[in-house]
C-alpha atoms as a PDB file:
ATOM      1  CA  UNK A   1       8.372  17.938  10.419  1.00  0.00           C
ATOM      2  CA  UNK A   2      10.927  16.083   8.487  1.00  0.00           C
ATOM      3  CA  UNK A   3       9.319  15.233   4.789  1.00  0.00           C
ATOM      4  CA  UNK A   4      10.469  12.117   3.001  1.00  0.00           C
ATOM      5  CA  UNK A   5      11.801  11.578  -0.434  1.00  0.00           C
ATOM      6  CA  UNK A   6      10.158  10.137  -3.452  1.00  0.00           C
ATOM      7  CA  UNK A   7      12.096   7.461  -5.061  1.00  0.00           C
ATOM      8  CA  UNK A   8      11.436   7.776  -8.839  1.00  0.00           C
ATOM      9  CA  UNK A   9      13.480   6.385 -12.178  1.00  0.00           C
ATOM     10  CA  UNK A  10      13.544   8.666 -14.934  1.00  0.00           C
ATOM     11  CA  UNK A  11      13.223   8.749 -18.673  1.00  0.00           C
ATOM     12  CA  UNK A  12      16.505  10.326 -19.695  1.00  0.00           C
ATOM     13  CA  UNK A  13      15.701   9.444 -23.408  1.00  0.00           C
ATOM     14  CA  UNK A  14      16.809  13.168 -25.727  1.00  0.00           C
ATOM     15  CA  UNK A  15      16.905  14.957 -22.062  1.00  0.00           C
ATOM     16  CA  UNK A  16      18.744  18.127 -22.235  1.00  0.00           C
ATOM     17  CA  UNK A  17      21.479  17.819 -19.208  1.00  0.00           C
ATOM     18  CA  UNK A  18      23.983  20.012 -18.177  1.00  0.00           C
ATOM     19  CA  UNK A  19      27.222  18.989 -15.816  1.00  0.00           C
ATOM     20  CA  UNK A  20      29.222  21.777 -14.795  1.00  0.00           C
ATOM     21  CA  UNK A  21      32.220  21.105 -13.479  1.00  0.00           C
ATOM     22  CA  UNK A  22      35.067  18.287 -15.512  1.00  0.00           C
ATOM     23  CA  UNK A  23      36.369  16.213 -11.671  1.00  0.00           C
ATOM     24  CA  UNK A  24      35.278  13.322 -10.022  1.00  0.00           C
ATOM     25  CA  UNK A  25      31.937  14.627  -9.452  1.00  0.00           C
ATOM     26  CA  UNK A  26      31.578  15.060 -13.204  1.00  0.00           C
ATOM     27  CA  UNK A  27      32.844  11.173 -13.752  1.00  0.00           C
ATOM     28  CA  UNK A  28      30.293   9.758 -11.186  1.00  0.00           C
ATOM     29  CA  UNK A  29      27.839  11.712 -12.873  1.00  0.00           C
ATOM     30  CA  UNK A  30      28.855  10.412 -16.471  1.00  0.00           C
ATOM     31  CA  UNK A  31      28.819   7.028 -15.675  1.00  0.00           C
ATOM     32  CA  UNK A  32      25.521   7.415 -13.507  1.00  0.00           C
ATOM     33  CA  UNK A  33      24.011   8.753 -17.306  1.00  0.00           C
ATOM     34  CA  UNK A  34      25.674   6.513 -19.289  1.00  0.00           C
ATOM     35  CA  UNK A  35      23.938   4.447 -21.844  1.00  0.00           C
ATOM     36  CA  UNK A  36      19.982   6.552 -20.672  1.00  0.00           C
ATOM     37  CA  UNK A  37      19.870   8.238 -24.285  1.00  0.00           C
ATOM     38  CA  UNK A  38      20.276  11.492 -22.986  1.00  0.00           C
ATOM     39  CA  UNK A  39      21.744  14.516 -24.678  1.00  0.00           C
ATOM     40  CA  UNK A  40      24.783  15.632 -22.525  1.00  0.00           C
ATOM     41  CA  UNK A  41      26.755  18.568 -22.444  1.00  0.00           C
ATOM     42  CA  UNK A  42      29.444  18.998 -20.301  1.00  0.00           C
ATOM     43  CA  UNK A  43      31.381  22.572 -19.193  1.00  0.00           C
ATOM     44  CA  UNK A  44      34.516  22.948 -17.022  1.00  0.00           C
ATOM     45  CA  UNK A  45      37.269  25.489 -16.828  1.00  0.00           C
ATOM     46  CA  UNK A  46      39.626  21.931 -16.756  1.00  0.00           C
ATOM     47  CA  UNK A  47      38.735  18.306 -17.643  1.00  0.00           C
ATOM     48  CA  UNK A  48      40.441  15.483 -15.148  1.00  0.00           C
ATOM     49  CA  UNK A  49      42.100  12.790 -17.192  1.00  0.00           C
ATOM     50  CA  UNK A  50      39.898  10.332 -16.231  1.00  0.00           C
ATOM     51  CA  UNK A  51      37.213  12.596 -17.191  1.00  0.00           C
ATOM     52  CA  UNK A  52      38.753  12.878 -21.250  1.00  0.00           C
ATOM     53  CA  UNK A  53      39.206   9.408 -21.419  1.00  0.00           C
ATOM     54  CA  UNK A  54      35.607   8.306 -20.239  1.00  0.00           C
ATOM     55  CA  UNK A  55      34.578  11.232 -23.519  1.00  0.00           C
ATOM     56  CA  UNK A  56      36.393   9.923 -25.558  1.00  0.00           C
ATOM     57  CA  UNK A  57      34.372   6.941 -25.953  1.00  0.00           C
ATOM     58  CA  UNK A  58      31.596   9.031 -26.222  1.00  0.00           C
ATOM     59  CA  UNK A  59      31.671  11.854 -28.874  1.00  0.00           C
ATOM     60  CA  UNK A  60      28.363  12.798 -29.209  1.00  0.00           C
ATOM     61  CA  UNK A  61      28.508  13.977 -25.763  1.00  0.00           C
ATOM     62  CA  UNK A  62      29.609  18.393 -26.070  1.00  0.00           C
ATOM     63  CA  UNK A  63      32.064  19.548 -24.242  1.00  0.00           C
ATOM     64  CA  UNK A  64      33.427  23.477 -23.830  1.00  0.00           C
ATOM     65  CA  UNK A  65      36.739  24.274 -21.884  1.00  0.00           C
ATOM     66  CA  UNK A  66      35.646  27.765 -20.090  1.00  0.00           C
ATOM     67  CA  UNK A  67      33.892  28.919 -17.306  1.00  0.00           C
ATOM     68  CA  UNK A  68      29.818  28.259 -16.775  1.00  0.00           C
ATOM     69  CA  UNK A  69      27.865  31.347 -17.930  1.00  0.00           C
ATOM     70  CA  UNK A  70      24.276  31.832 -16.841  1.00  0.00           C
ATOM     71  CA  UNK A  71      23.055  31.251 -20.227  1.00  0.00           C
ATOM     72  CA  UNK A  72      24.306  27.834 -20.450  1.00  0.00           C
ATOM     73  CA  UNK A  73      21.538  26.939 -17.876  1.00  0.00           C
ATOM     74  CA  UNK A  74      18.917  27.668 -20.680  1.00  0.00           C
ATOM     75  CA  UNK A  75      16.484  25.092 -21.903  1.00  0.00           C
ATOM     76  CA  UNK A  76      17.919  22.606 -19.697  1.00  0.00           C
ATOM     77  CA  UNK A  77      15.452  19.639 -18.459  1.00  0.00           C
ATOM     78  CA  UNK A  78      18.748  18.578 -15.525  1.00  0.00           C
ATOM     79  CA  UNK A  79      21.513  20.574 -14.335  1.00  0.00           C
ATOM     80  CA  UNK A  80      24.373  18.886 -12.316  1.00  0.00           C
ATOM     81  CA  UNK A  81      26.564  21.150 -10.926  1.00  0.00           C
ATOM     82  CA  UNK A  82      30.076  19.698  -9.670  1.00  0.00           C
ATOM     83  CA  UNK A  83      32.397  22.391  -9.481  1.00  0.00           C
ATOM     84  CA  UNK A  84      35.537  22.607  -6.725  1.00  0.00           C
ATOM     85  CA  UNK A  85      33.979  26.275  -5.502  1.00  0.00           C
ATOM     86  CA  UNK A  86      31.175  26.025  -3.810  1.00  0.00           C
ATOM     87  CA  UNK A  87      30.015  29.893  -4.025  1.00  0.00           C
ATOM     88  CA  UNK A  88      29.741  28.992  -8.076  1.00  0.00           C
ATOM     89  CA  UNK A  89      27.514  25.810  -7.106  1.00  0.00           C
ATOM     90  CA  UNK A  90      25.633  28.201  -5.081  1.00  0.00           C
ATOM     91  CA  UNK A  91      25.432  31.085  -7.221  1.00  0.00           C
ATOM     92  CA  UNK A  92      24.093  28.892 -10.383  1.00  0.00           C
ATOM     93  CA  UNK A  93      22.021  26.592  -8.271  1.00  0.00           C
ATOM     94  CA  UNK A  94      20.041  30.100  -7.131  1.00  0.00           C
ATOM     95  CA  UNK A  95      19.881  31.077 -11.069  1.00  0.00           C
ATOM     96  CA  UNK A  96      18.526  27.560 -11.928  1.00  0.00           C
ATOM     97  CA  UNK A  97      15.787  27.632  -9.569  1.00  0.00           C
ATOM     98  CA  UNK A  98      14.685  31.115 -11.347  1.00  0.00           C
ATOM     99  CA  UNK A  99      14.514  29.129 -14.343  1.00  0.00           C
ATOM    100  CA  UNK A 100      12.599  25.897 -12.876  1.00  0.00           C
ATOM    101  CA  UNK A 101      14.707  23.766 -13.740  1.00  0.00           C
ATOM    102  CA  UNK A 102      16.242  21.027 -11.732  1.00  0.00           C
ATOM    103  CA  UNK A 103      19.740  21.038  -9.923  1.00  0.00           C
ATOM    104  CA  UNK A 104      21.945  18.683  -8.186  1.00  0.00           C
ATOM    105  CA  UNK A 105      24.564  20.619  -6.476  1.00  0.00           C
ATOM    106  CA  UNK A 106      27.137  17.721  -5.461  1.00  0.00           C
ATOM    107  CA  UNK A 107      27.955  17.138  -2.090  1.00  0.00           C
ATOM    108  CA  UNK A 108      25.276  20.485  -0.669  1.00  0.00           C
ATOM    109  CA  UNK A 109      22.297  18.606  -0.302  1.00  0.00           C
ATOM    110  CA  UNK A 110      20.130  21.366   0.958  1.00  0.00           C
ATOM    111  CA  UNK A 111      20.852  23.012  -2.721  1.00  0.00           C
ATOM    112  CA  UNK A 112      19.823  19.815  -4.100  1.00  0.00           C
ATOM    113  CA  UNK A 113      16.214  19.568  -5.824  1.00  0.00           C
ATOM    114  CA  UNK A 114      16.653  15.766  -6.228  1.00  0.00           C
ATOM    115  CA  UNK A 115      19.633  13.029  -4.643  1.00  0.00           C
ATOM    116  CA  UNK A 116      21.138  10.607  -7.334  1.00  0.00           C
ATOM    117  CA  UNK A 117      21.445   7.379  -5.968  1.00  0.00           C
ATOM    118  CA  UNK A 118      23.746   4.014  -5.825  1.00  0.00           C
ATOM    119  CA  UNK A 119      22.355   1.774  -8.552  1.00  0.00           C
ATOM    120  CA  UNK A 120      22.604  -2.404  -9.062  1.00  0.00           C
ATOM    121  CA  UNK A 121      21.663  -3.695 -12.175  1.00  0.00           C
ATOM    122  CA  UNK A 122      20.342  -7.527 -12.546  1.00  0.00           C
ATOM    123  CA  UNK A 123      19.340  -7.804 -15.797  1.00  0.00           C
ATOM    124  CA  UNK A 124      16.227  -5.832 -16.263  1.00  0.00           C
ATOM    125  CA  UNK A 125      16.101  -5.217 -12.928  1.00  0.00           C
ATOM    126  CA  UNK A 126      17.757  -2.222 -10.739  1.00  0.00           C
ATOM    127  CA  UNK A 127      17.906  -1.581  -7.553  1.00  0.00           C
ATOM    128  CA  UNK A 128      18.534   2.508  -6.225  1.00  0.00           C
ATOM    129  CA  UNK A 129      19.949   2.929  -2.756  1.00  0.00           C
ATOM    130  CA  UNK A 130      20.014   6.659  -1.078  1.00  0.00           C
ATOM    131  CA  UNK A 131      21.215   8.345   1.831  1.00  0.00           C
ATOM    132  CA  UNK A 132      19.398  11.235   1.226  1.00  0.00           C
ATOM    133  CA  UNK A 133      22.943  12.960  -0.245  1.00  0.00           C
ATOM    134  CA  UNK A 134      24.190  12.691   3.335  1.00  0.00           C
ATOM    135  CA  UNK A 135      26.405   9.819   3.355  1.00  0.00           C
ATOM    136  CA  UNK A 136      27.558   8.444  -0.473  1.00  0.00           C
ATOM    137  CA  UNK A 137      29.887   5.981   1.340  1.00  0.00           C
ATOM    138  CA  UNK A 138      27.416   3.974   2.727  1.00  0.00           C
ATOM    139  CA  UNK A 139      25.037   3.850  -0.413  1.00  0.00           C
ATOM    140  CA  UNK A 140      29.000   3.076  -2.507  1.00  0.00           C
ATOM    141  CA  UNK A 141      28.810   0.083   0.229  1.00  0.00           C
ATOM    142  CA  UNK A 142      25.457  -1.342  -0.034  1.00  0.00           C
ATOM    143  CA  UNK A 143      26.215  -1.210  -3.766  1.00  0.00           C
ATOM    144  CA  UNK A 144      28.815  -3.499  -3.715  1.00  0.00           C
ATOM    145  CA  UNK A 145      27.521  -5.708  -1.265  1.00  0.00           C
ATOM    146  CA  UNK A 146      24.322  -6.215  -3.772  1.00  0.00           C
ATOM    147  CA  UNK A 147      26.326  -6.889  -6.438  1.00  0.00           C
ATOM    148  CA  UNK A 148      28.356  -9.806  -4.517  1.00  0.00           C
ATOM    149  CA  UNK A 149      25.078 -10.957  -3.631  1.00  0.00           C
ATOM    150  CA  UNK A 150      23.752 -10.800  -6.771  1.00  0.00           C
ATOM    151  CA  UNK A 151      26.356 -12.970  -8.842  1.00  0.00           C
ATOM    152  CA  UNK A 152      26.779 -12.258 -12.796  1.00  0.00           C
ATOM    153  CA  UNK A 153      25.685 -15.145 -13.610  1.00  0.00           C
ATOM    154  CA  UNK A 154      21.853 -13.997 -12.278  1.00  0.00           C
ATOM    155  CA  UNK A 155      21.517 -11.240 -14.704  1.00  0.00           C
ATOM    156  CA  UNK A 156      21.275 -13.864 -17.523  1.00  0.00           C
ATOM    157  CA  UNK A 157      18.497 -15.866 -15.063  1.00  0.00           C
ATOM    158  CA  UNK A 158      16.111 -12.545 -15.208  1.00  0.00           C
ATOM    159  CA  UNK A 159      16.334 -11.591 -18.365  1.00  0.00           C
ATOM    160  CA  UNK A 160      15.150 -15.405 -19.362  1.00  0.00           C
ATOM    161  CA  UNK A 161      12.593 -15.234 -17.014  1.00  0.00           C
ATOM    162  CA  UNK A 162      11.356 -11.799 -17.972  1.00  0.00           C
ATOM    163  CA  UNK A 163      11.374 -13.156 -21.473  1.00  0.00           C
ATOM    164  CA  UNK A 164       9.470 -16.493 -20.401  1.00  0.00           C
ATOM    165  CA  UNK A 165       6.534 -13.969 -18.964  1.00  0.00           C
ATOM    166  CA  UNK A 166       6.877 -12.162 -22.573  1.00  0.00           C
ATOM    167  CA  UNK A 167       6.126 -14.800 -24.358  1.00  0.00           C
ATOM    168  CA  UNK A 168       3.582 -16.177 -21.851  1.00  0.00           C
ATOM    169  CA  UNK A 169       1.990 -13.186 -22.219  1.00  0.00           C
ATOM    170  CA  UNK A 170       1.344 -13.672 -26.202  1.00  0.00           C
ATOM    171  CA  UNK A 171       0.361 -17.585 -25.347  1.00  0.00           C
ATOM    172  CA  UNK A 172      -2.465 -16.811 -22.340  1.00  0.00           C
ATOM    173  CA  UNK A 173      -3.347 -13.413 -23.700  1.00  0.00           C
ATOM    174  CA  UNK A 174      -6.232 -13.808 -20.583  1.00  0.00           C
ATOM    175  CA  UNK A 175      -4.868 -12.615 -17.295  1.00  0.00           C
ATOM    176  CA  UNK A 176      -6.736 -14.750 -14.963  1.00  0.00           C
ATOM    177  CA  UNK A 177      -5.357 -18.013 -17.111  1.00  0.00           C
ATOM    178  CA  UNK A 178      -1.594 -16.626 -17.280  1.00  0.00           C
ATOM    179  CA  UNK A 179      -1.797 -15.831 -13.375  1.00  0.00           C
ATOM    180  CA  UNK A 180      -2.793 -19.474 -12.908  1.00  0.00           C
ATOM    181  CA  UNK A 181       0.021 -21.149 -15.394  1.00  0.00           C
ATOM    182  CA  UNK A 182       2.375 -18.439 -13.242  1.00  0.00           C
ATOM    183  CA  UNK A 183       1.350 -19.488  -9.583  1.00  0.00           C
ATOM    184  CA  UNK A 184       1.765 -23.111 -10.884  1.00  0.00           C
ATOM    185  CA  UNK A 185       5.275 -22.650 -11.913  1.00  0.00           C
ATOM    186  CA  UNK A 186       6.146 -20.843  -7.965  1.00  0.00           C
ATOM    187  CA  UNK A 187       4.405 -24.185  -6.613  1.00  0.00           C
ATOM    188  CA  UNK A 188       5.762 -26.615  -8.694  1.00  0.00           C
ATOM    189  CA  UNK A 189       9.553 -24.651  -7.913  1.00  0.00           C
ATOM    190  CA  UNK A 190       8.419 -24.272  -4.256  1.00  0.00           C
ATOM    191  CA  UNK A 191       7.737 -28.226  -3.467  1.00  0.00           C
ATOM    192  CA  UNK A 192      10.570 -29.241  -5.293  1.00  0.00           C
ATOM    193  CA  UNK A 193      13.413 -27.017  -4.179  1.00  0.00           C
ATOM    194  CA  UNK A 194      12.027 -25.062  -1.121  1.00  0.00           C
ATOM    195  CA  UNK A 195       9.386 -27.705   1.173  1.00  0.00           C
ATOM    196  CA  UNK A 196      10.427 -28.531   4.383  1.00  0.00           C
ATOM    197  CA  UNK A 197       9.887 -32.082   5.375  1.00  0.00           C
END
């Protein structure tokens, strides 16, 4: 029996995250972890110019230029293994598993506790796209498609709608009253713009 994956958005604020490796996989994870409030450390025997450039914007991210050691895995909430050496990734995946720490071993789905997803943000709304770690290119293509279909100007509209709903909760604290008001707004929009004559 093949089990399905359970999609989830993690609150990583103040979580202890380790990234092992300093190349393209590291850069991808850094972009994904940007603005999450996580406490990030990157350990690698070398760093690409792109990773170094990214890190200059975030001096709070700790970096060490050396091989990873077993004790580096201690007290971590999540570990990303993205070295160019599959044996190193597999070895440290096994060690992390012994410690009960969740691991994402880049480009090695069978050695992952979870898969990263491509995300699209439209104001306060986030879409996540995953291929179970099997075909990152498809996720990336779908993400670009979403970004084209949902232009930048829609982001502000979404923020406005969410802000209106927040204010409506103050004006109409009664759930049923608020529900009727929102229903009326939607019906007015529907009759004005979408009603078929």
